[in-house]
PDB file of N, CA and C in Angstrom:
ATOM      1  N   MET A   1      24.893   6.713  -6.356  1.00  0.00           N
ATOM      2  CA  MET A   1      23.960   5.632  -6.587  1.00  0.00           C
ATOM      3  C   MET A   1      22.798   5.691  -5.596  1.00  0.00           C
ATOM      4  N   LYS A   2      23.120   6.086  -4.363  1.00  0.00           N
ATOM      5  CA  LYS A   2      22.080   6.172  -3.340  1.00  0.00           C
ATOM      6  C   LYS A   2      21.026   7.216  -3.724  1.00  0.00           C
ATOM      7  N   ASP A   3      21.464   8.307  -4.342  1.00  0.00           N
ATOM      8  CA  ASP A   3      20.526   9.351  -4.769  1.00  0.00           C
ATOM      9  C   ASP A   3      19.608   8.857  -5.883  1.00  0.00           C
ATOM     10  N   TRP A   4      20.145   8.042  -6.796  1.00  0.00           N
ATOM     11  CA  TRP A   4      19.318   7.500  -7.868  1.00  0.00           C
ATOM     12  C   TRP A   4      18.250   6.573  -7.324  1.00  0.00           C
ATOM     13  N   ILE A   5      18.639   5.750  -6.369  1.00  0.00           N
ATOM     14  CA  ILE A   5      17.675   4.824  -5.771  1.00  0.00           C
ATOM     15  C   ILE A   5      16.589   5.598  -5.032  1.00  0.00           C
ATOM     16  N   ALA A   6      16.984   6.606  -4.263  1.00  0.00           N
ATOM     17  CA  ALA A   6      16.005   7.412  -3.536  1.00  0.00           C
ATOM     18  C   ALA A   6      15.074   8.143  -4.496  1.00  0.00           C
ATOM     19  N   GLY A   7      15.622   8.668  -5.574  1.00  0.00           N
ATOM     20  CA  GLY A   7      14.801   9.363  -6.569  1.00  0.00           C
ATOM     21  C   GLY A   7      13.828   8.429  -7.261  1.00  0.00           C
ATOM     22  N   LEU A   8      14.307   7.241  -7.608  1.00  0.00           N
ATOM     23  CA  LEU A   8      13.436   6.257  -8.263  1.00  0.00           C
ATOM     24  C   LEU A   8      12.312   5.810  -7.336  1.00  0.00           C
ATOM     25  N   LEU A   9      12.630   5.548  -6.075  1.00  0.00           N
ATOM     26  CA  LEU A   9      11.592   5.161  -5.128  1.00  0.00           C
ATOM     27  C   LEU A   9      10.587   6.284  -4.904  1.00  0.00           C
ATOM     28  N   ALA A  10      11.062   7.517  -4.868  1.00  0.00           N
ATOM     29  CA  ALA A  10      10.161   8.653  -4.680  1.00  0.00           C
ATOM     30  C   ALA A  10       9.215   8.810  -5.871  1.00  0.00           C
ATOM     31  N   VAL A  11       9.747   8.657  -7.075  1.00  0.00           N
ATOM     32  CA  VAL A  11       8.910   8.786  -8.270  1.00  0.00           C
ATOM     33  C   VAL A  11       7.885   7.649  -8.327  1.00  0.00           C
ATOM     34  N   LEU A  12       8.328   6.422  -8.094  1.00  0.00           N
ATOM     35  CA  LEU A  12       7.395   5.291  -8.140  1.00  0.00           C
ATOM     36  C   LEU A  12       6.347   5.381  -7.034  1.00  0.00           C
ATOM     37  N   GLY A  13       6.761   5.796  -5.844  1.00  0.00           N
ATOM     38  CA  GLY A  13       5.798   5.960  -4.750  1.00  0.00           C
ATOM     39  C   GLY A  13       4.754   7.006  -5.069  1.00  0.00           C
ATOM     40  N   THR A  14       5.202   8.122  -5.637  1.00  0.00           N
ATOM     41  CA  THR A  14       4.265   9.176  -6.012  1.00  0.00           C
ATOM     42  C   THR A  14       3.297   8.701  -7.085  1.00  0.00           C
ATOM     43  N   LEU A  15       3.809   7.962  -8.069  1.00  0.00           N
ATOM     44  CA  LEU A  15       2.935   7.445  -9.122  1.00  0.00           C
ATOM     45  C   LEU A  15       1.910   6.453  -8.573  1.00  0.00           C
ATOM     46  N   LEU A  16       2.318   5.604  -7.635  1.00  0.00           N
ATOM     47  CA  LEU A  16       1.369   4.660  -7.042  1.00  0.00           C
ATOM     48  C   LEU A  16       0.276   5.384  -6.267  1.00  0.00           C
ATOM     49  N   ILE A  17       0.661   6.408  -5.516  1.00  0.00           N
ATOM     50  CA  ILE A  17      -0.346   7.168  -4.764  1.00  0.00           C
ATOM     51  C   ILE A  17      -1.300   7.885  -5.707  1.00  0.00           C
ATOM     52  N   LEU A  18      -0.767   8.483  -6.762  1.00  0.00           N
ATOM     53  CA  LEU A  18      -1.641   9.160  -7.730  1.00  0.00           C
ATOM     54  C   LEU A  18      -2.551   8.170  -8.453  1.00  0.00           C
ATOM     55  N   ALA A  19      -2.039   6.982  -8.773  1.00  0.00           N
ATOM     56  CA  ALA A  19      -2.877   5.970  -9.436  1.00  0.00           C
ATOM     57  C   ALA A  19      -3.987   5.507  -8.507  1.00  0.00           C
ATOM     58  N   GLY A  20      -3.674   5.272  -7.244  1.00  0.00           N
ATOM     59  CA  GLY A  20      -4.704   4.863  -6.294  1.00  0.00           C
ATOM     60  C   GLY A  20      -5.751   5.936  -6.086  1.00  0.00           C
ATOM     61  N   ALA A  21      -5.303   7.183  -6.010  1.00  0.00           N
ATOM     62  CA  ALA A  21      -6.250   8.284  -5.853  1.00  0.00           C
ATOM     63  C   ALA A  21      -7.125   8.430  -7.095  1.00  0.00           C
ATOM     64  N   THR A  22      -6.545   8.239  -8.277  1.00  0.00           N
ATOM     65  CA  THR A  22      -7.315   8.335  -9.519  1.00  0.00           C
ATOM     66  C   THR A  22      -8.380   7.246  -9.582  1.00  0.00           C
ATOM     67  N   VAL A  23      -8.009   6.019  -9.218  1.00  0.00           N
ATOM     68  CA  VAL A  23      -8.981   4.923  -9.226  1.00  0.00           C
ATOM     69  C   VAL A  23     -10.111   5.218  -8.252  1.00  0.00           C
ATOM     70  N   THR A  24      -9.779   5.746  -7.083  1.00  0.00           N
ATOM     71  CA  THR A  24     -10.806   6.059  -6.081  1.00  0.00           C
ATOM     72  C   THR A  24     -11.748   7.146  -6.592  1.00  0.00           C
ATOM     73  N   VAL A  25     -11.210   8.189  -7.207  1.00  0.00           N
ATOM     74  CA  VAL A  25     -12.033   9.295  -7.709  1.00  0.00           C
ATOM     75  C   VAL A  25     -12.907   8.826  -8.866  1.00  0.00           C
ATOM     76  N   VAL A  26     -12.344   8.040  -9.772  1.00  0.00           N
ATOM     77  CA  VAL A  26     -13.121   7.566 -10.921  1.00  0.00           C
ATOM     78  C   VAL A  26     -14.251   6.651 -10.461  1.00  0.00           C
ATOM     79  N   LYS A  27     -13.977   5.773  -9.486  1.00  0.00           N
ATOM     80  CA  LYS A  27     -15.041   4.902  -8.967  1.00  0.00           C
ATOM     81  C   LYS A  27     -16.129   5.709  -8.279  1.00  0.00           C
ATOM     82  N   THR A  28     -15.760   6.802  -7.647  1.00  0.00           N
ATOM     83  CA  THR A  28     -16.737   7.635  -6.958  1.00  0.00           C
ATOM     84  C   THR A  28     -17.610   8.410  -7.937  1.00  0.00           C
ATOM     85  N   LEU A  29     -17.008   8.919  -8.997  1.00  0.00           N
ATOM     86  CA  LEU A  29     -17.735   9.779  -9.927  1.00  0.00           C
ATOM     87  C   LEU A  29     -18.557   9.028 -10.965  1.00  0.00           C
ATOM     88  N   THR A  30     -18.165   7.813 -11.309  1.00  0.00           N
ATOM     89  CA  THR A  30     -18.901   7.086 -12.341  1.00  0.00           C
ATOM     90  C   THR A  30     -19.912   6.144 -11.686  1.00  0.00           C
ATOM     91  N   PRO A  31     -21.070   6.007 -12.298  1.00  0.00           N
ATOM     92  CA  PRO A  31     -22.075   5.095 -11.738  1.00  0.00           C
ATOM     93  C   PRO A  31     -21.646   3.647 -11.931  1.00  0.00           C
ATOM     94  N   ASP A  32     -22.026   2.801 -11.000  1.00  0.00           N
ATOM     95  CA  ASP A  32     -21.709   1.385 -11.070  1.00  0.00           C
ATOM     96  C   ASP A  32     -22.794   0.679 -11.876  1.00  0.00           C
ATOM     97  N   PRO A  33     -22.457   0.121 -13.058  1.00  0.00           N
ATOM     98  CA  PRO A  33     -23.498  -0.493 -13.887  1.00  0.00           C
ATOM     99  C   PRO A  33     -24.083  -1.760 -13.278  1.00  0.00           C
ATOM    100  N   GLY A  34     -23.345  -2.454 -12.435  1.00  0.00           N
ATOM    101  CA  GLY A  34     -23.852  -3.686 -11.858  1.00  0.00           C
ATOM    102  C   GLY A  34     -24.286  -3.520 -10.416  1.00  0.00           C
ATOM    103  N   ALA A  35     -24.756  -2.332 -10.044  1.00  0.00           N
ATOM    104  CA  ALA A  35     -25.118  -2.076  -8.653  1.00  0.00           C
ATOM    105  C   ALA A  35     -26.350  -2.864  -8.231  1.00  0.00           C
ATOM    106  N   THR A  36     -27.239  -3.146  -9.167  1.00  0.00           N
ATOM    107  CA  THR A  36     -28.457  -3.865  -8.807  1.00  0.00           C
ATOM    108  C   THR A  36     -28.274  -5.376  -8.915  1.00  0.00           C
ATOM    109  N   ALA A  37     -27.273  -5.827  -9.652  1.00  0.00           N
ATOM    110  CA  ALA A  37     -27.062  -7.259  -9.823  1.00  0.00           C
ATOM    111  C   ALA A  37     -26.354  -7.826  -8.596  1.00  0.00           C
ATOM    112  N   VAL A  38     -26.601  -9.088  -8.340  1.00  0.00           N
ATOM    113  CA  VAL A  38     -25.938  -9.767  -7.235  1.00  0.00           C
ATOM    114  C   VAL A  38     -24.537 -10.143  -7.690  1.00  0.00           C
ATOM    115  N   THR A  39     -23.542  -9.691  -6.934  1.00  0.00           N
ATOM    116  CA  THR A  39     -22.162  -9.982  -7.315  1.00  0.00           C
ATOM    117  C   THR A  39     -21.610 -11.087  -6.430  1.00  0.00           C
ATOM    118  N   THR A  40     -20.735 -11.888  -7.012  1.00  0.00           N
ATOM    119  CA  THR A  40     -20.086 -12.958  -6.272  1.00  0.00           C
ATOM    120  C   THR A  40     -18.610 -12.646  -6.132  1.00  0.00           C
ATOM    121  N   ASP A  41     -17.958 -13.324  -5.226  1.00  0.00           N
ATOM    122  CA  ASP A  41     -16.537 -13.141  -5.015  1.00  0.00           C
ATOM    123  C   ASP A  41     -15.782 -13.702  -6.216  1.00  0.00           C
ATOM    124  N   PRO A  42     -14.924 -12.901  -6.867  1.00  0.00           N
ATOM    125  CA  PRO A  42     -14.213 -13.405  -8.048  1.00  0.00           C
ATOM    126  C   PRO A  42     -13.215 -14.513  -7.709  1.00  0.00           C
ATOM    127  N   LEU A  43     -12.839 -14.628  -6.453  1.00  0.00           N
ATOM    128  CA  LEU A  43     -11.884 -15.667  -6.074  1.00  0.00           C
ATOM    129  C   LEU A  43     -12.578 -16.929  -5.590  1.00  0.00           C
ATOM    130  N   GLY A  44     -13.857 -17.054  -5.789  1.00  0.00           N
ATOM    131  CA  GLY A  44     -14.570 -18.255  -5.436  1.00  0.00           C
ATOM    132  C   GLY A  44     -15.158 -18.259  -4.043  1.00  0.00           C
ATOM    133  N   GLY A  45     -15.049 -17.173  -3.318  1.00  0.00           N
ATOM    134  CA  GLY A  45     -15.638 -17.081  -2.000  1.00  0.00           C
ATOM    135  C   GLY A  45     -14.814 -17.700  -0.890  1.00  0.00           C
ATOM    136  N   THR A  46     -13.710 -18.348  -1.213  1.00  0.00           N
ATOM    137  CA  THR A  46     -12.926 -18.992  -0.164  1.00  0.00           C
ATOM    138  C   THR A  46     -11.797 -18.113   0.352  1.00  0.00           C
ATOM    139  N   ALA A  47     -11.397 -17.122  -0.419  1.00  0.00           N
ATOM    140  CA  ALA A  47     -10.248 -16.310  -0.015  1.00  0.00           C
ATOM    141  C   ALA A  47     -10.566 -15.468   1.217  1.00  0.00           C
ATOM    142  N   VAL A  48     -11.792 -15.027   1.349  1.00  0.00           N
ATOM    143  CA  VAL A  48     -12.159 -14.192   2.486  1.00  0.00           C
ATOM    144  C   VAL A  48     -12.470 -15.039   3.714  1.00  0.00           C
ATOM    145  N   VAL A  49     -12.933 -16.245   3.510  1.00  0.00           N
ATOM    146  CA  VAL A  49     -13.337 -17.091   4.624  1.00  0.00           C
ATOM    147  C   VAL A  49     -12.131 -17.755   5.287  1.00  0.00           C
ATOM    148  N   ALA A  50     -11.211 -18.273   4.491  1.00  0.00           N
ATOM    149  CA  ALA A  50     -10.069 -18.996   5.037  1.00  0.00           C
ATOM    150  C   ALA A  50      -8.992 -18.031   5.508  1.00  0.00           C
ATOM    151  N   GLY A  51      -8.182 -18.478   6.449  1.00  0.00           N
ATOM    152  CA  GLY A  51      -7.047 -17.695   6.894  1.00  0.00           C
ATOM    153  C   GLY A  51      -7.286 -17.020   8.229  1.00  0.00           C
ATOM    154  N   SER A  52      -6.265 -16.319   8.653  1.00  0.00           N
ATOM    155  CA  SER A  52      -6.346 -15.637   9.938  1.00  0.00           C
ATOM    156  C   SER A  52      -7.142 -14.345   9.798  1.00  0.00           C
ATOM    157  N   ARG A  53      -7.329 -13.703  10.906  1.00  0.00           N
ATOM    158  CA  ARG A  53      -8.093 -12.453  10.912  1.00  0.00           C
ATOM    159  C   ARG A  53      -7.388 -11.380  10.085  1.00  0.00           C
ATOM    160  N   PHE A  54      -6.063 -11.341  10.154  1.00  0.00           N
ATOM    161  CA  PHE A  54      -5.299 -10.345   9.399  1.00  0.00           C
ATOM    162  C   PHE A  54      -5.415 -10.576   7.898  1.00  0.00           C
ATOM    163  N   THR A  55      -5.329 -11.828   7.454  1.00  0.00           N
ATOM    164  CA  THR A  55      -5.421 -12.086   6.018  1.00  0.00           C
ATOM    165  C   THR A  55      -6.818 -11.808   5.486  1.00  0.00           C
ATOM    166  N   ARG A  56      -7.840 -12.073   6.297  1.00  0.00           N
ATOM    167  CA  ARG A  56      -9.200 -11.715   5.868  1.00  0.00           C
ATOM    168  C   ARG A  56      -9.334 -10.215   5.722  1.00  0.00           C
ATOM    169  N   TRP A  57      -8.757  -9.455   6.654  1.00  0.00           N
ATOM    170  CA  TRP A  57      -8.791  -7.997   6.578  1.00  0.00           C
ATOM    171  C   TRP A  57      -8.017  -7.518   5.356  1.00  0.00           C
ATOM    172  N   LEU A  58      -6.897  -8.160   5.080  1.00  0.00           N
ATOM    173  CA  LEU A  58      -6.067  -7.765   3.944  1.00  0.00           C
ATOM    174  C   LEU A  58      -6.785  -7.996   2.620  1.00  0.00           C
ATOM    175  N   HIS A  59      -7.568  -9.071   2.517  1.00  0.00           N
ATOM    176  CA  HIS A  59      -8.303  -9.346   1.287  1.00  0.00           C
ATOM    177  C   HIS A  59      -9.465  -8.383   1.076  1.00  0.00           C
ATOM    178  N   ARG A  60      -9.979  -7.791   2.135  1.00  0.00           N
ATOM    179  CA  ARG A  60     -11.107  -6.862   2.000  1.00  0.00           C
ATOM    180  C   ARG A  60     -10.668  -5.462   1.568  1.00  0.00           C
ATOM    181  N   ILE A  61      -9.374  -5.152   1.636  1.00  0.00           N
ATOM    182  CA  ILE A  61      -8.895  -3.834   1.229  1.00  0.00           C
ATOM    183  C   ILE A  61      -9.012  -3.722  -0.288  1.00  0.00           C
ATOM    184  N   SER A  62      -9.503  -2.590  -0.749  1.00  0.00           N
ATOM    185  CA  SER A  62      -9.667  -2.413  -2.197  1.00  0.00           C
ATOM    186  C   SER A  62      -8.311  -2.227  -2.873  1.00  0.00           C
ATOM    187  N   ALA A  63      -8.288  -2.435  -4.175  1.00  0.00           N
ATOM    188  CA  ALA A  63      -7.043  -2.340  -4.931  1.00  0.00           C
ATOM    189  C   ALA A  63      -6.483  -0.925  -4.899  1.00  0.00           C
ATOM    190  N   ALA A  64      -7.345   0.075  -4.914  1.00  0.00           N
ATOM    191  CA  ALA A  64      -6.880   1.465  -4.879  1.00  0.00           C
ATOM    192  C   ALA A  64      -6.193   1.775  -3.548  1.00  0.00           C
ATOM    193  N   ASP A  65      -6.758   1.257  -2.466  1.00  0.00           N
ATOM    194  CA  ASP A  65      -6.134   1.491  -1.168  1.00  0.00           C
ATOM    195  C   ASP A  65      -4.798   0.777  -1.053  1.00  0.00           C
ATOM    196  N   ARG A  66      -4.679  -0.391  -1.678  1.00  0.00           N
ATOM    197  CA  ARG A  66      -3.389  -1.090  -1.681  1.00  0.00           C
ATOM    198  C   ARG A  66      -2.352  -0.305  -2.472  1.00  0.00           C
ATOM    199  N   LEU A  67      -2.755   0.291  -3.590  1.00  0.00           N
ATOM    200  CA  LEU A  67      -1.822   1.121  -4.360  1.00  0.00           C
ATOM    201  C   LEU A  67      -1.318   2.286  -3.525  1.00  0.00           C
ATOM    202  N   ILE A  68      -2.209   2.932  -2.816  1.00  0.00           N
ATOM    203  CA  ILE A  68      -1.819   4.068  -1.985  1.00  0.00           C
ATOM    204  C   ILE A  68      -0.889   3.608  -0.868  1.00  0.00           C
ATOM    205  N   ALA A  69      -1.183   2.479  -0.251  1.00  0.00           N
ATOM    206  CA  ALA A  69      -0.345   1.974   0.836  1.00  0.00           C
ATOM    207  C   ALA A  69       1.060   1.629   0.340  1.00  0.00           C
ATOM    208  N   TRP A  70       1.164   0.968  -0.813  1.00  0.00           N
ATOM    209  CA  TRP A  70       2.481   0.659  -1.354  1.00  0.00           C
ATOM    210  C   TRP A  70       3.217   1.940  -1.758  1.00  0.00           C
ATOM    211  N   GLY A  71       2.497   2.938  -2.236  1.00  0.00           N
ATOM    212  CA  GLY A  71       3.134   4.221  -2.552  1.00  0.00           C
ATOM    213  C   GLY A  71       3.719   4.886  -1.325  1.00  0.00           C
ATOM    214  N   VAL A  72       2.993   4.834  -0.220  1.00  0.00           N
ATOM    215  CA  VAL A  72       3.504   5.407   1.032  1.00  0.00           C
ATOM    216  C   VAL A  72       4.735   4.637   1.501  1.00  0.00           C
ATOM    217  N   VAL A  73       4.696   3.310   1.380  1.00  0.00           N
ATOM    218  CA  VAL A  73       5.860   2.505   1.773  1.00  0.00           C
ATOM    219  C   VAL A  73       7.079   2.880   0.934  1.00  0.00           C
ATOM    220  N   LEU A  74       6.891   3.038  -0.368  1.00  0.00           N
ATOM    221  CA  LEU A  74       8.009   3.423  -1.233  1.00  0.00           C
ATOM    222  C   LEU A  74       8.519   4.819  -0.913  1.00  0.00           C
ATOM    223  N   LEU A  75       7.632   5.748  -0.569  1.00  0.00           N
ATOM    224  CA  LEU A  75       8.089   7.084  -0.199  1.00  0.00           C
ATOM    225  C   LEU A  75       8.887   7.071   1.099  1.00  0.00           C
ATOM    226  N   VAL A  76       8.480   6.257   2.040  1.00  0.00           N
ATOM    227  CA  VAL A  76       9.243   6.139   3.292  1.00  0.00           C
ATOM    228  C   VAL A  76      10.606   5.520   3.018  1.00  0.00           C
ATOM    229  N   LEU A  77      10.651   4.483   2.180  1.00  0.00           N
ATOM    230  CA  LEU A  77      11.935   3.883   1.825  1.00  0.00           C
ATOM    231  C   LEU A  77      12.831   4.871   1.081  1.00  0.00           C
ATOM    232  N   ALA A  78      12.241   5.721   0.247  1.00  0.00           N
ATOM    233  CA  ALA A  78      13.023   6.739  -0.449  1.00  0.00           C
ATOM    234  C   ALA A  78      13.592   7.746   0.535  1.00  0.00           C
ATOM    235  N   ALA A  79      12.819   8.113   1.531  1.00  0.00           N
ATOM    236  CA  ALA A  79      13.314   9.051   2.538  1.00  0.00           C
ATOM    237  C   ALA A  79      14.439   8.435   3.355  1.00  0.00           C
ATOM    238  N   VAL A  80      14.328   7.153   3.659  1.00  0.00           N
ATOM    239  CA  VAL A  80      15.404   6.471   4.391  1.00  0.00           C
ATOM    240  C   VAL A  80      16.649   6.386   3.518  1.00  0.00           C
ATOM    241  N   ALA A  81      16.494   6.049   2.234  1.00  0.00           N
ATOM    242  CA  ALA A  81      17.643   5.932   1.335  1.00  0.00           C
ATOM    243  C   ALA A  81      18.321   7.275   1.105  1.00  0.00           C
ATOM    244  N   ALA A  82      17.554   8.351   1.086  1.00  0.00           N
ATOM    245  CA  ALA A  82      18.128   9.678   0.868  1.00  0.00           C
ATOM    246  C   ALA A  82      18.750  10.255   2.132  1.00  0.00           C
ATOM    247  N   GLY A  83      18.448   9.658   3.260  1.00  0.00           N
ATOM    248  CA  GLY A  83      19.009  10.148   4.511  1.00  0.00           C
ATOM    249  C   GLY A  83      18.129  11.140   5.223  1.00  0.00           C
ATOM    250  N   ALA A  84      16.927  11.361   4.734  1.00  0.00           N
ATOM    251  CA  ALA A  84      16.016  12.289   5.395  1.00  0.00           C
ATOM    252  C   ALA A  84      15.489  11.702   6.694  1.00  0.00           C
ATOM    253  N   ILE A  85      15.387  10.397   6.740  1.00  0.00           N
ATOM    254  CA  ILE A  85      14.985   9.685   7.953  1.00  0.00           C
ATOM    255  C   ILE A  85      16.135   8.752   8.307  1.00  0.00           C
ATOM    256  N   SER A  86      16.604   8.846   9.514  1.00  0.00           N
ATOM    257  CA  SER A  86      17.685   7.946   9.923  1.00  0.00           C
ATOM    258  C   SER A  86      17.226   7.091  11.087  1.00  0.00           C
ATOM    259  N   LEU A  87      17.663   5.876  11.072  1.00  0.00           N
ATOM    260  CA  LEU A  87      17.332   4.944  12.128  1.00  0.00           C
ATOM    261  C   LEU A  87      18.603   4.646  12.899  1.00  0.00           C
ATOM    262  N   ASN A  88      18.537   4.767  14.196  1.00  0.00           N
ATOM    263  CA  ASN A  88      19.712   4.490  15.029  1.00  0.00           C
ATOM    264  C   ASN A  88      19.294   3.491  16.094  1.00  0.00           C
ATOM    265  N   LEU A  89      19.765   2.270  15.942  1.00  0.00           N
ATOM    266  CA  LEU A  89      19.473   1.228  16.908  1.00  0.00           C
ATOM    267  C   LEU A  89      20.754   0.930  17.691  1.00  0.00           C
ATOM    268  N   SER A  90      20.621   0.889  18.986  1.00  0.00           N
ATOM    269  CA  SER A  90      21.787   0.574  19.799  1.00  0.00           C
ATOM    270  C   SER A  90      21.355  -0.247  20.993  1.00  0.00           C
ATOM    271  N   ALA A  91      22.294  -1.007  21.504  1.00  0.00           N
ATOM    272  CA  ALA A  91      22.046  -1.814  22.694  1.00  0.00           C
ATOM    273  C   ALA A  91      23.263  -1.695  23.604  1.00  0.00           C
ATOM    274  N   ALA A  92      23.006  -1.686  24.877  1.00  0.00           N
ATOM    275  CA  ALA A  92      24.111  -1.606  25.836  1.00  0.00           C
ATOM    276  C   ALA A  92      23.838  -2.568  26.981  1.00  0.00           C
ATOM    277  N   ALA A  93      24.891  -3.206  27.407  1.00  0.00           N
ATOM    278  CA  ALA A  93      24.779  -4.118  28.537  1.00  0.00           C
ATOM    279  C   ALA A  93      25.329  -3.417  29.773  1.00  0.00           C
ATOM    280  N   GLY A  94      24.578  -3.402  30.829  1.00  0.00           N
ATOM    281  CA  GLY A  94      25.019  -2.754  32.043  1.00  0.00           C
ATOM    282  C   GLY A  94      26.059  -3.598  32.774  1.00  0.00           C
ATOM    283  N   THR A  95      27.197  -3.019  33.090  1.00  0.00           N
ATOM    284  CA  THR A  95      28.237  -3.723  33.822  1.00  0.00           C
ATOM    285  C   THR A  95      28.600  -2.941  35.059  1.00  0.00           C
ATOM    286  N   ARG A  96      29.115  -3.633  36.044  1.00  0.00           N
ATOM    287  CA  ARG A  96      29.511  -2.952  37.286  1.00  0.00           C
ATOM    288  C   ARG A  96      30.973  -2.765  37.372  1.00  0.00           C
TER     289      ARG A  96
END
């Protein structure tokens, strides 16, 4: 079962990265029809203004970059599930 989960996460992570890369390439190669028009924030302009510094930064990330980031997260989780990456946490109390 662990192998199926790792395989599924690897496939989904790869697909997310490829989708994000495709969106980035298509946006780069095709001209923007509304480049001269004044664009407004689709969320009403309040999503970027309100919140902490981290949430403002998070809202400015493009959708393609978010796809790539989630793909990388899924690939790391797949590597952990498959055993390619192991985490070993330990604690010891010093005694005399």
